[in-house]
């Protein structure tokens, strides 16, 4: 696993993140429109060269080897 970076919900996604992952991030953020996320951050890491992003609420998005985005909720 390679360490990445953190950024605020609604903020600029790091440039290396693929478009499909950005779309998934924006979808999650849209779902949270009625929630106060001013203190929440996304955390980006890389696993086997593919991005994994996790939101402070436990939402995790992972890119598979074929480019699909998987979403799950960590406890």
PDB file of N, CA and C in Angstrom:
ATOM      1  N   UNK A   1       0.841  -1.167   0.000  1.00  0.00           N
ATOM      2  CA  UNK A   1       0.000   0.000   0.000  1.00  0.00           C
ATOM      3  C   UNK A   1       0.889   1.233   0.000  1.00  0.00           C
ATOM      4  N   UNK A   2       0.514   2.206  -0.786  1.00  0.00           N
ATOM      5  CA  UNK A   2       1.258   3.453  -0.876  1.00  0.00           C
ATOM      6  C   UNK A   2       0.422   4.550  -0.242  1.00  0.00           C
ATOM      7  N   UNK A   3       1.036   5.337   0.623  1.00  0.00           N
ATOM      8  CA  UNK A   3       0.318   6.422   1.267  1.00  0.00           C
ATOM      9  C   UNK A   3       0.006   7.506   0.261  1.00  0.00           C
ATOM     10  N   UNK A   4      -1.091   8.161   0.468  1.00  0.00           N
ATOM     11  CA  UNK A   4      -1.529   9.208  -0.440  1.00  0.00           C
ATOM     12  C   UNK A   4      -1.692  10.527   0.273  1.00  0.00           C
ATOM     13  N   UNK A   5      -2.904  11.066   0.196  1.00  0.00           N
ATOM     14  CA  UNK A   5      -3.155  12.402   0.723  1.00  0.00           C
ATOM     15  C   UNK A   5      -4.583  12.506   1.231  1.00  0.00           C
ATOM     16  N   UNK A   6      -4.879  13.642   1.856  1.00  0.00           N
ATOM     17  CA  UNK A   6      -6.235  13.910   2.348  1.00  0.00           C
ATOM     18  C   UNK A   6      -6.717  15.228   1.759  1.00  0.00           C
ATOM     19  N   UNK A   7      -8.048  15.326   1.588  1.00  0.00           N
ATOM     20  CA  UNK A   7      -8.640  16.579   1.126  1.00  0.00           C
ATOM     21  C   UNK A   7     -10.066  16.672   1.638  1.00  0.00           C
ATOM     22  N   UNK A   8     -10.591  17.884   1.679  1.00  0.00           N
ATOM     23  CA  UNK A   8     -11.924  18.139   2.221  1.00  0.00           C
ATOM     24  C   UNK A   8     -13.015  17.647   1.275  1.00  0.00           C
ATOM     25  N   UNK A   9     -14.149  17.264   1.862  1.00  0.00           N
ATOM     26  CA  UNK A   9     -15.327  16.914   1.066  1.00  0.00           C
ATOM     27  C   UNK A   9     -15.680  18.122   0.202  1.00  0.00           C
ATOM     28  N   UNK A  10     -15.874  17.886  -1.084  1.00  0.00           N
ATOM     29  CA  UNK A  10     -16.178  18.957  -2.024  1.00  0.00           C
ATOM     30  C   UNK A  10     -14.951  19.663  -2.565  1.00  0.00           C
ATOM     31  N   UNK A  11     -13.784  19.310  -2.040  1.00  0.00           N
ATOM     32  CA  UNK A  11     -12.546  19.947  -2.468  1.00  0.00           C
ATOM     33  C   UNK A  11     -11.991  19.329  -3.739  1.00  0.00           C
ATOM     34  N   UNK A  12     -10.850  19.844  -4.142  1.00  0.00           N
ATOM     35  CA  UNK A  12     -10.192  19.369  -5.360  1.00  0.00           C
ATOM     36  C   UNK A  12      -9.560  17.997  -5.116  1.00  0.00           C
ATOM     37  N   UNK A  13      -9.930  17.049  -5.958  1.00  0.00           N
ATOM     38  CA  UNK A  13      -9.394  15.689  -5.878  1.00  0.00           C
ATOM     39  C   UNK A  13      -7.970  15.694  -6.447  1.00  0.00           C
ATOM     40  N   UNK A  14      -7.041  14.976  -5.834  1.00  0.00           N
ATOM     41  CA  UNK A  14      -5.677  14.925  -6.358  1.00  0.00           C
ATOM     42  C   UNK A  14      -5.657  14.533  -7.842  1.00  0.00           C
ATOM     43  N   UNK A  15      -4.754  15.110  -8.617  1.00  0.00           N
ATOM     44  CA  UNK A  15      -4.770  14.936 -10.075  1.00  0.00           C
ATOM     45  C   UNK A  15      -4.552  13.517 -10.587  1.00  0.00           C
ATOM     46  N   UNK A  16      -3.927  12.645  -9.842  1.00  0.00           N
ATOM     47  CA  UNK A  16      -3.668  11.275 -10.334  1.00  0.00           C
ATOM     48  C   UNK A  16      -4.879  10.361 -10.250  1.00  0.00           C
ATOM     49  N   UNK A  17      -5.941  10.804  -9.583  1.00  0.00           N
ATOM     50  CA  UNK A  17      -7.125   9.964  -9.389  1.00  0.00           C
ATOM     51  C   UNK A  17      -7.885   9.845 -10.709  1.00  0.00           C
ATOM     52  N   UNK A  18      -8.191   8.623 -11.151  1.00  0.00           N
ATOM     53  CA  UNK A  18      -8.899   8.418 -12.420  1.00  0.00           C
ATOM     54  C   UNK A  18     -10.310   9.019 -12.411  1.00  0.00           C
ATOM     55  N   UNK A  19     -10.791   9.367 -13.595  1.00  0.00           N
ATOM     56  CA  UNK A  19     -12.106   9.997 -13.744  1.00  0.00           C
ATOM     57  C   UNK A  19     -13.236   9.162 -13.148  1.00  0.00           C
ATOM     58  N   UNK A  20     -13.183   7.849 -13.307  1.00  0.00           N
ATOM     59  CA  UNK A  20     -14.247   6.995 -12.761  1.00  0.00           C
ATOM     60  C   UNK A  20     -14.307   7.101 -11.238  1.00  0.00           C
ATOM     61  N   UNK A  21     -13.164   7.201 -10.600  1.00  0.00           N
ATOM     62  CA  UNK A  21     -13.129   7.347  -9.148  1.00  0.00           C
ATOM     63  C   UNK A  21     -13.635   8.727  -8.746  1.00  0.00           C
ATOM     64  N   UNK A  22     -13.264   9.744  -9.490  1.00  0.00           N
ATOM     65  CA  UNK A  22     -13.754  11.097  -9.199  1.00  0.00           C
ATOM     66  C   UNK A  22     -15.274  11.134  -9.287  1.00  0.00           C
ATOM     67  N   UNK A  23     -15.834  10.493 -10.297  1.00  0.00           N
ATOM     68  CA  UNK A  23     -17.294  10.452 -10.444  1.00  0.00           C
ATOM     69  C   UNK A  23     -17.940   9.770  -9.238  1.00  0.00           C
ATOM     70  N   UNK A  24     -17.339   8.698  -8.749  1.00  0.00           N
ATOM     71  CA  UNK A  24     -17.878   7.989  -7.584  1.00  0.00           C
ATOM     72  C   UNK A  24     -17.777   8.853  -6.323  1.00  0.00           C
ATOM     73  N   UNK A  25     -16.687   9.566  -6.184  1.00  0.00           N
ATOM     74  CA  UNK A  25     -16.513  10.477  -5.048  1.00  0.00           C
ATOM     75  C   UNK A  25     -17.598  11.548  -5.071  1.00  0.00           C
ATOM     76  N   UNK A  26     -17.808  12.153  -6.232  1.00  0.00           N
ATOM     77  CA  UNK A  26     -18.823  13.211  -6.365  1.00  0.00           C
ATOM     78  C   UNK A  26     -20.228  12.666  -6.102  1.00  0.00           C
ATOM     79  N   UNK A  27     -20.475  11.422  -6.481  1.00  0.00           N
ATOM     80  CA  UNK A  27     -21.778  10.808  -6.216  1.00  0.00           C
ATOM     81  C   UNK A  27     -22.018  10.689  -4.709  1.00  0.00           C
ATOM     82  N   UNK A  28     -21.009  10.234  -3.983  1.00  0.00           N
ATOM     83  CA  UNK A  28     -21.124  10.133  -2.525  1.00  0.00           C
ATOM     84  C   UNK A  28     -21.353  11.519  -1.929  1.00  0.00           C
ATOM     85  N   UNK A  29     -20.607  12.496  -2.392  1.00  0.00           N
ATOM     86  CA  UNK A  29     -20.747  13.847  -1.857  1.00  0.00           C
ATOM     87  C   UNK A  29     -22.144  14.407  -2.114  1.00  0.00           C
ATOM     88  N   UNK A  30     -22.717  14.108  -3.266  1.00  0.00           N
ATOM     89  CA  UNK A  30     -24.078  14.550  -3.579  1.00  0.00           C
ATOM     90  C   UNK A  30     -25.079  13.941  -2.603  1.00  0.00           C
ATOM     91  N   UNK A  31     -24.888  12.679  -2.270  1.00  0.00           N
ATOM     92  CA  UNK A  31     -25.771  12.006  -1.310  1.00  0.00           C
ATOM     93  C   UNK A  31     -25.693  12.632   0.082  1.00  0.00           C
ATOM     94  N   UNK A  32     -24.594  13.309   0.371  1.00  0.00           N
ATOM     95  CA  UNK A  32     -24.381  13.907   1.687  1.00  0.00           C
ATOM     96  C   UNK A  32     -24.725  15.390   1.723  1.00  0.00           C
ATOM     97  N   UNK A  33     -25.442  15.875   0.737  1.00  0.00           N
ATOM     98  CA  UNK A  33     -25.735  17.306   0.615  1.00  0.00           C
ATOM     99  C   UNK A  33     -26.416  17.873   1.860  1.00  0.00           C
ATOM    100  N   UNK A  34     -27.212  17.086   2.556  1.00  0.00           N
ATOM    101  CA  UNK A  34     -27.935  17.563   3.737  1.00  0.00           C
ATOM    102  C   UNK A  34     -27.211  17.277   5.051  1.00  0.00           C
ATOM    103  N   UNK A  35     -25.976  16.820   4.964  1.00  0.00           N
ATOM    104  CA  UNK A  35     -25.186  16.478   6.150  1.00  0.00           C
ATOM    105  C   UNK A  35     -24.066  17.504   6.305  1.00  0.00           C
ATOM    106  N   UNK A  36     -23.775  17.898   7.536  1.00  0.00           N
ATOM    107  CA  UNK A  36     -22.664  18.821   7.780  1.00  0.00           C
ATOM    108  C   UNK A  36     -21.345  18.047   7.670  1.00  0.00           C
ATOM    109  N   UNK A  37     -20.671  18.232   6.566  1.00  0.00           N
ATOM    110  CA  UNK A  37     -19.405  17.534   6.308  1.00  0.00           C
ATOM    111  C   UNK A  37     -18.215  18.496   6.338  1.00  0.00           C
ATOM    112  N   UNK A  38     -18.392  19.658   6.959  1.00  0.00           N
ATOM    113  CA  UNK A  38     -17.334  20.668   6.931  1.00  0.00           C
ATOM    114  C   UNK A  38     -16.024  20.188   7.550  1.00  0.00           C
ATOM    115  N   UNK A  39     -16.094  19.242   8.460  1.00  0.00           N
ATOM    116  CA  UNK A  39     -14.877  18.729   9.099  1.00  0.00           C
ATOM    117  C   UNK A  39     -14.426  17.390   8.527  1.00  0.00           C
ATOM    118  N   UNK A  40     -15.155  16.854   7.555  1.00  0.00           N
ATOM    119  CA  UNK A  40     -14.839  15.543   6.990  1.00  0.00           C
ATOM    120  C   UNK A  40     -13.776  15.652   5.907  1.00  0.00           C
ATOM    121  N   UNK A  41     -12.985  14.595   5.796  1.00  0.00           N
ATOM    122  CA  UNK A  41     -11.925  14.522   4.791  1.00  0.00           C
ATOM    123  C   UNK A  41     -11.971  13.166   4.098  1.00  0.00           C
ATOM    124  N   UNK A  42     -11.532  13.183   2.862  1.00  0.00           N
ATOM    125  CA  UNK A  42     -11.254  11.957   2.124  1.00  0.00           C
ATOM    126  C   UNK A  42      -9.793  11.607   2.357  1.00  0.00           C
ATOM    127  N   UNK A  43      -9.487  10.322   2.418  1.00  0.00           N
ATOM    128  CA  UNK A  43      -8.109   9.846   2.506  1.00  0.00           C
ATOM    129  C   UNK A  43      -7.850   8.957   1.301  1.00  0.00           C
ATOM    130  N   UNK A  44      -6.823   9.277   0.564  1.00  0.00           N
ATOM    131  CA  UNK A  44      -6.435   8.521  -0.628  1.00  0.00           C
ATOM    132  C   UNK A  44      -5.214   7.674  -0.319  1.00  0.00           C
ATOM    133  N   UNK A  45      -5.291   6.389  -0.642  1.00  0.00           N
ATOM    134  CA  UNK A  45      -4.134   5.500  -0.611  1.00  0.00           C
ATOM    135  C   UNK A  45      -4.116   4.732  -1.926  1.00  0.00           C
ATOM    136  N   UNK A  46      -3.056   4.029  -2.160  1.00  0.00           N
ATOM    137  CA  UNK A  46      -2.913   3.245  -3.397  1.00  0.00           C
ATOM    138  C   UNK A  46      -2.595   1.814  -3.013  1.00  0.00           C
ATOM    139  N   UNK A  47      -3.332   0.883  -3.563  1.00  0.00           N
ATOM    140  CA  UNK A  47      -3.120  -0.538  -3.308  1.00  0.00           C
ATOM    141  C   UNK A  47      -2.911  -1.221  -4.650  1.00  0.00           C
ATOM    142  N   UNK A  48      -1.739  -1.788  -4.832  1.00  0.00           N
ATOM    143  CA  UNK A  48      -1.383  -2.442  -6.094  1.00  0.00           C
ATOM    144  C   UNK A  48      -1.580  -1.498  -7.278  1.00  0.00           C
ATOM    145  N   UNK A  49      -1.254  -0.224  -7.065  1.00  0.00           N
ATOM    146  CA  UNK A  49      -1.324   0.767  -8.138  1.00  0.00           C
ATOM    147  C   UNK A  49      -2.714   1.310  -8.415  1.00  0.00           C
ATOM    148  N   UNK A  50      -3.696   0.905  -7.610  1.00  0.00           N
ATOM    149  CA  UNK A  50      -5.072   1.375  -7.818  1.00  0.00           C
ATOM    150  C   UNK A  50      -5.521   2.209  -6.619  1.00  0.00           C
ATOM    151  N   UNK A  51      -6.322   3.259  -6.874  1.00  0.00           N
ATOM    152  CA  UNK A  51      -6.731   4.136  -5.780  1.00  0.00           C
ATOM    153  C   UNK A  51      -7.772   3.504  -4.865  1.00  0.00           C
ATOM    154  N   UNK A  52      -7.630   3.820  -3.591  1.00  0.00           N
ATOM    155  CA  UNK A  52      -8.617   3.489  -2.567  1.00  0.00           C
ATOM    156  C   UNK A  52      -8.857   4.795  -1.817  1.00  0.00           C
ATOM    157  N   UNK A  53     -10.111   5.236  -1.750  1.00  0.00           N
ATOM    158  CA  UNK A  53     -10.419   6.454  -1.007  1.00  0.00           C
ATOM    159  C   UNK A  53     -11.406   6.123   0.103  1.00  0.00           C
ATOM    160  N   UNK A  54     -11.179   6.747   1.253  1.00  0.00           N
ATOM    161  CA  UNK A  54     -12.054   6.511   2.400  1.00  0.00           C
ATOM    162  C   UNK A  54     -12.463   7.848   2.995  1.00  0.00           C
ATOM    163  N   UNK A  55     -13.750   7.985   3.249  1.00  0.00           N
ATOM    164  CA  UNK A  55     -14.299   9.179   3.868  1.00  0.00           C
ATOM    165  C   UNK A  55     -14.310   8.985   5.380  1.00  0.00           C
ATOM    166  N   UNK A  56     -14.259  10.068   6.123  1.00  0.00           N
ATOM    167  CA  UNK A  56     -14.224   9.982   7.583  1.00  0.00           C
ATOM    168  C   UNK A  56     -15.404   9.227   8.180  1.00  0.00           C
ATOM    169  N   UNK A  57     -16.519   9.117   7.465  1.00  0.00           N
ATOM    170  CA  UNK A  57     -17.667   8.365   7.994  1.00  0.00           C
ATOM    171  C   UNK A  57     -17.563   6.867   7.740  1.00  0.00           C
ATOM    172  N   UNK A  58     -16.478   6.430   7.100  1.00  0.00           N
ATOM    173  CA  UNK A  58     -16.270   5.009   6.838  1.00  0.00           C
ATOM    174  C   UNK A  58     -16.611   4.559   5.433  1.00  0.00           C
ATOM    175  N   UNK A  59     -17.137   5.459   4.611  1.00  0.00           N
ATOM    176  CA  UNK A  59     -17.404   5.105   3.219  1.00  0.00           C
ATOM    177  C   UNK A  59     -16.073   4.862   2.517  1.00  0.00           C
ATOM    178  N   UNK A  60     -15.971   3.730   1.833  1.00  0.00           N
ATOM    179  CA  UNK A  60     -14.735   3.403   1.115  1.00  0.00           C
ATOM    180  C   UNK A  60     -15.055   3.083  -0.335  1.00  0.00           C
ATOM    181  N   UNK A  61     -14.257   3.650  -1.226  1.00  0.00           N
ATOM    182  CA  UNK A  61     -14.353   3.385  -2.659  1.00  0.00           C
ATOM    183  C   UNK A  61     -13.042   2.763  -3.111  1.00  0.00           C
ATOM    184  N   UNK A  62     -13.153   1.653  -3.860  1.00  0.00           N
ATOM    185  CA  UNK A  62     -11.960   0.958  -4.362  1.00  0.00           C
ATOM    186  C   UNK A  62     -12.106   0.726  -5.853  1.00  0.00           C
ATOM    187  N   UNK A  63     -11.013   0.855  -6.574  1.00  0.00           N
ATOM    188  CA  UNK A  63     -11.008   0.563  -8.001  1.00  0.00           C
ATOM    189  C   UNK A  63     -10.477  -0.850  -8.209  1.00  0.00           C
ATOM    190  N   UNK A  64     -11.233  -1.655  -8.955  1.00  0.00           N
ATOM    191  CA  UNK A  64     -10.812  -3.024  -9.239  1.00  0.00           C
ATOM    192  C   UNK A  64      -9.817  -3.038 -10.393  1.00  0.00           C
ATOM    193  N   UNK A  65      -9.252  -4.209 -10.659  1.00  0.00           N
ATOM    194  CA  UNK A  65      -8.265  -4.335 -11.732  1.00  0.00           C
ATOM    195  C   UNK A  65      -8.843  -3.988 -13.098  1.00  0.00           C
ATOM    196  N   UNK A  66     -10.180  -4.127 -13.258  1.00  0.00           N
ATOM    197  CA  UNK A  66     -10.790  -3.810 -14.558  1.00  0.00           C
ATOM    198  C   UNK A  66     -11.386  -2.404 -14.608  1.00  0.00           C
ATOM    199  N   UNK A  67     -11.136  -1.596 -13.572  1.00  0.00           N
ATOM    200  CA  UNK A  67     -11.572  -0.206 -13.568  1.00  0.00           C
ATOM    201  C   UNK A  67     -12.924   0.057 -12.933  1.00  0.00           C
ATOM    202  N   UNK A  68     -13.603  -0.992 -12.473  1.00  0.00           N
ATOM    203  CA  UNK A  68     -14.891  -0.799 -11.797  1.00  0.00           C
ATOM    204  C   UNK A  68     -14.649  -0.202 -10.407  1.00  0.00           C
ATOM    205  N   UNK A  69     -15.629   0.546  -9.927  1.00  0.00           N
ATOM    206  CA  UNK A  69     -15.536   1.139  -8.597  1.00  0.00           C
ATOM    207  C   UNK A  69     -16.459   0.376  -7.651  1.00  0.00           C
ATOM    208  N   UNK A  70     -15.896  -0.105  -6.553  1.00  0.00           N
ATOM    209  CA  UNK A  70     -16.662  -0.801  -5.525  1.00  0.00           C
ATOM    210  C   UNK A  70     -16.809   0.119  -4.323  1.00  0.00           C
ATOM    211  N   UNK A  71     -17.994   0.118  -3.742  1.00  0.00           N
ATOM    212  CA  UNK A  71     -18.266   0.957  -2.577  1.00  0.00           C
ATOM    213  C   UNK A  71     -18.680   0.070  -1.411  1.00  0.00           C
ATOM    214  N   UNK A  72     -18.095   0.344  -0.246  1.00  0.00           N
ATOM    215  CA  UNK A  72     -18.537  -0.344   0.954  1.00  0.00           C
ATOM    216  C   UNK A  72     -18.446   0.604   2.135  1.00  0.00           C
ATOM    217  N   UNK A  73     -18.967   0.162   3.252  1.00  0.00           N
ATOM    218  CA  UNK A  73     -19.008   0.979   4.458  1.00  0.00           C
ATOM    219  C   UNK A  73     -18.229   0.264   5.546  1.00  0.00           C
ATOM    220  N   UNK A  74     -17.188   0.898   6.043  1.00  0.00           N
ATOM    221  CA  UNK A  74     -16.400   0.335   7.135  1.00  0.00           C
ATOM    222  C   UNK A  74     -17.065   0.683   8.453  1.00  0.00           C
ATOM    223  N   UNK A  75     -16.965  -0.207   9.402  1.00  0.00           N
ATOM    224  CA  UNK A  75     -17.554   0.058  10.725  1.00  0.00           C
ATOM    225  C   UNK A  75     -16.577   0.768  11.614  1.00  0.00           C
TER     226      UNK A  75
END
